[in-house]
C-alpha atoms as a PDB file:
ATOM      1  CA  UNK A   1       0.011  -0.002   0.007  1.00  0.00           C
ATOM      2  CA  UNK A   2       0.972   3.623  -0.491  1.00  0.00           C
ATOM      3  CA  UNK A   3       0.723   6.511   1.972  1.00  0.00           C
ATOM      4  CA  UNK A   4       0.052   9.959   0.661  1.00  0.00           C
ATOM      5  CA  UNK A   5       2.640  12.425   2.003  1.00  0.00           C
ATOM      6  CA  UNK A   6       1.229  15.728   0.406  1.00  0.00           C
ATOM      7  CA  UNK A   7       1.839  17.491  -2.767  1.00  0.00           C
ATOM      8  CA  UNK A   8       2.687  14.868  -5.503  1.00  0.00           C
ATOM      9  CA  UNK A   9       4.409  12.517  -3.130  1.00  0.00           C
ATOM     10  CA  UNK A  10       3.288   9.054  -2.095  1.00  0.00           C
ATOM     11  CA  UNK A  11       5.555   6.319  -0.731  1.00  0.00           C
ATOM     12  CA  UNK A  12       5.072   2.588  -0.330  1.00  0.00           C
ATOM     13  CA  UNK A  13       4.492   1.911   3.381  1.00  0.00           C
ATOM     14  CA  UNK A  14       6.967  -0.893   3.545  1.00  0.00           C
ATOM     15  CA  UNK A  15       9.695   1.598   2.579  1.00  0.00           C
ATOM     16  CA  UNK A  16       9.064   3.930   5.531  1.00  0.00           C
ATOM     17  CA  UNK A  17      11.708   3.592   8.295  1.00  0.00           C
ATOM     18  CA  UNK A  18      10.332   6.373  10.426  1.00  0.00           C
ATOM     19  CA  UNK A  19       8.279   9.566  10.792  1.00  0.00           C
ATOM     20  CA  UNK A  20      10.084  12.382  12.661  1.00  0.00           C
ATOM     21  CA  UNK A  21       8.733  15.696  13.889  1.00  0.00           C
ATOM     22  CA  UNK A  22      11.124  18.344  12.721  1.00  0.00           C
ATOM     23  CA  UNK A  23      10.446  20.697  15.754  1.00  0.00           C
ATOM     24  CA  UNK A  24      11.422  18.000  18.209  1.00  0.00           C
ATOM     25  CA  UNK A  25      14.233  16.275  16.277  1.00  0.00           C
ATOM     26  CA  UNK A  26      15.976  19.298  14.875  1.00  0.00           C
ATOM     27  CA  UNK A  27      17.258  20.197  18.500  1.00  0.00           C
ATOM     28  CA  UNK A  28      19.709  17.332  18.140  1.00  0.00           C
ATOM     29  CA  UNK A  29      23.035  18.184  16.464  1.00  0.00           C
ATOM     30  CA  UNK A  30      23.076  14.566  15.078  1.00  0.00           C
ATOM     31  CA  UNK A  31      19.763  14.956  13.221  1.00  0.00           C
ATOM     32  CA  UNK A  32      20.885  18.337  11.834  1.00  0.00           C
ATOM     33  CA  UNK A  33      24.155  16.685  10.687  1.00  0.00           C
ATOM     34  CA  UNK A  34      22.221  13.816   9.152  1.00  0.00           C
ATOM     35  CA  UNK A  35      19.800  16.136   7.372  1.00  0.00           C
ATOM     36  CA  UNK A  36      22.661  18.342   6.135  1.00  0.00           C
ATOM     37  CA  UNK A  37      24.453  15.274   4.675  1.00  0.00           C
ATOM     38  CA  UNK A  38      21.266  14.045   2.988  1.00  0.00           C
ATOM     39  CA  UNK A  39      20.743  17.451   1.480  1.00  0.00           C
ATOM     40  CA  UNK A  40      24.321  17.593   0.189  1.00  0.00           C
ATOM     41  CA  UNK A  41      23.959  14.149  -1.290  1.00  0.00           C
ATOM     42  CA  UNK A  42      20.619  15.092  -3.027  1.00  0.00           C
ATOM     43  CA  UNK A  43      18.569  12.712  -0.948  1.00  0.00           C
ATOM     44  CA  UNK A  44      16.123  15.229   0.439  1.00  0.00           C
ATOM     45  CA  UNK A  45      12.787  15.728  -1.454  1.00  0.00           C
ATOM     46  CA  UNK A  46      10.088  18.142  -0.426  1.00  0.00           C
ATOM     47  CA  UNK A  47       6.384  17.404  -0.592  1.00  0.00           C
ATOM     48  CA  UNK A  48       5.548  20.513   1.507  1.00  0.00           C
ATOM     49  CA  UNK A  49       4.019  23.554  -0.045  1.00  0.00           C
ATOM     50  CA  UNK A  50       4.725  25.527   3.073  1.00  0.00           C
ATOM     51  CA  UNK A  51       7.024  25.080   6.002  1.00  0.00           C
ATOM     52  CA  UNK A  52       7.494  21.306   6.522  1.00  0.00           C
ATOM     53  CA  UNK A  53       6.496  19.737   9.863  1.00  0.00           C
ATOM     54  CA  UNK A  54       7.648  16.206   9.418  1.00  0.00           C
ATOM     55  CA  UNK A  55      10.435  14.332   7.645  1.00  0.00           C
ATOM     56  CA  UNK A  56       9.968  10.780   6.554  1.00  0.00           C
ATOM     57  CA  UNK A  57      13.049   8.505   6.238  1.00  0.00           C
ATOM     58  CA  UNK A  58      12.884   5.768   3.788  1.00  0.00           C
ATOM     59  CA  UNK A  59      14.847   2.579   3.369  1.00  0.00           C
ATOM     60  CA  UNK A  60      16.943   3.929   0.479  1.00  0.00           C
ATOM     61  CA  UNK A  61      17.999   6.859   2.795  1.00  0.00           C
ATOM     62  CA  UNK A  62      15.689   9.333   0.964  1.00  0.00           C
ATOM     63  CA  UNK A  63      14.272  11.949   3.279  1.00  0.00           C
ATOM     64  CA  UNK A  64      10.968  13.483   2.396  1.00  0.00           C
ATOM     65  CA  UNK A  65       9.845  16.753   3.909  1.00  0.00           C
ATOM     66  CA  UNK A  66       5.997  16.947   4.484  1.00  0.00           C
ATOM     67  CA  UNK A  67       3.360  19.286   5.680  1.00  0.00           C
ATOM     68  CA  UNK A  68       1.251  16.769   7.675  1.00  0.00           C
ATOM     69  CA  UNK A  69       2.120  16.078  11.228  1.00  0.00           C
ATOM     70  CA  UNK A  70       3.708  12.825  12.391  1.00  0.00           C
ATOM     71  CA  UNK A  71       0.409  11.992  14.141  1.00  0.00           C
ATOM     72  CA  UNK A  72      -1.612  12.421  10.949  1.00  0.00           C
ATOM     73  CA  UNK A  73       0.798  10.267   8.945  1.00  0.00           C
ATOM     74  CA  UNK A  74       0.776   7.647  11.670  1.00  0.00           C
ATOM     75  CA  UNK A  75      -3.003   7.596  11.522  1.00  0.00           C
ATOM     76  CA  UNK A  76      -2.796   7.169   7.730  1.00  0.00           C
ATOM     77  CA  UNK A  77      -0.416   4.141   8.223  1.00  0.00           C
ATOM     78  CA  UNK A  78      -2.680   2.633  10.839  1.00  0.00           C
ATOM     79  CA  UNK A  79      -5.821   2.965   8.651  1.00  0.00           C
ATOM     80  CA  UNK A  80      -3.908   1.364   5.666  1.00  0.00           C
ATOM     81  CA  UNK A  81      -2.964  -1.506   7.924  1.00  0.00           C
ATOM     82  CA  UNK A  82      -6.659  -2.173   8.933  1.00  0.00           C
ATOM     83  CA  UNK A  83      -7.758  -2.266   5.261  1.00  0.00           C
END
């Protein structure tokens, strides 16, 4: 199944490693370092039309910036599992 991340982005749920809130995780220097490296390597994609609230880490190390909150994306994943 695919989960809609916003904009024109959808990802297969089995490829999702984690959903991370940018406000909470960006405090860590390790997260900032990881996101900077991913940006330099061209692995960051944006599905947000405005300021992103969440980043989704995929198995291929792609980072997708999204507008929906981690809670909203988690609910979408749970709903997909019930179907």
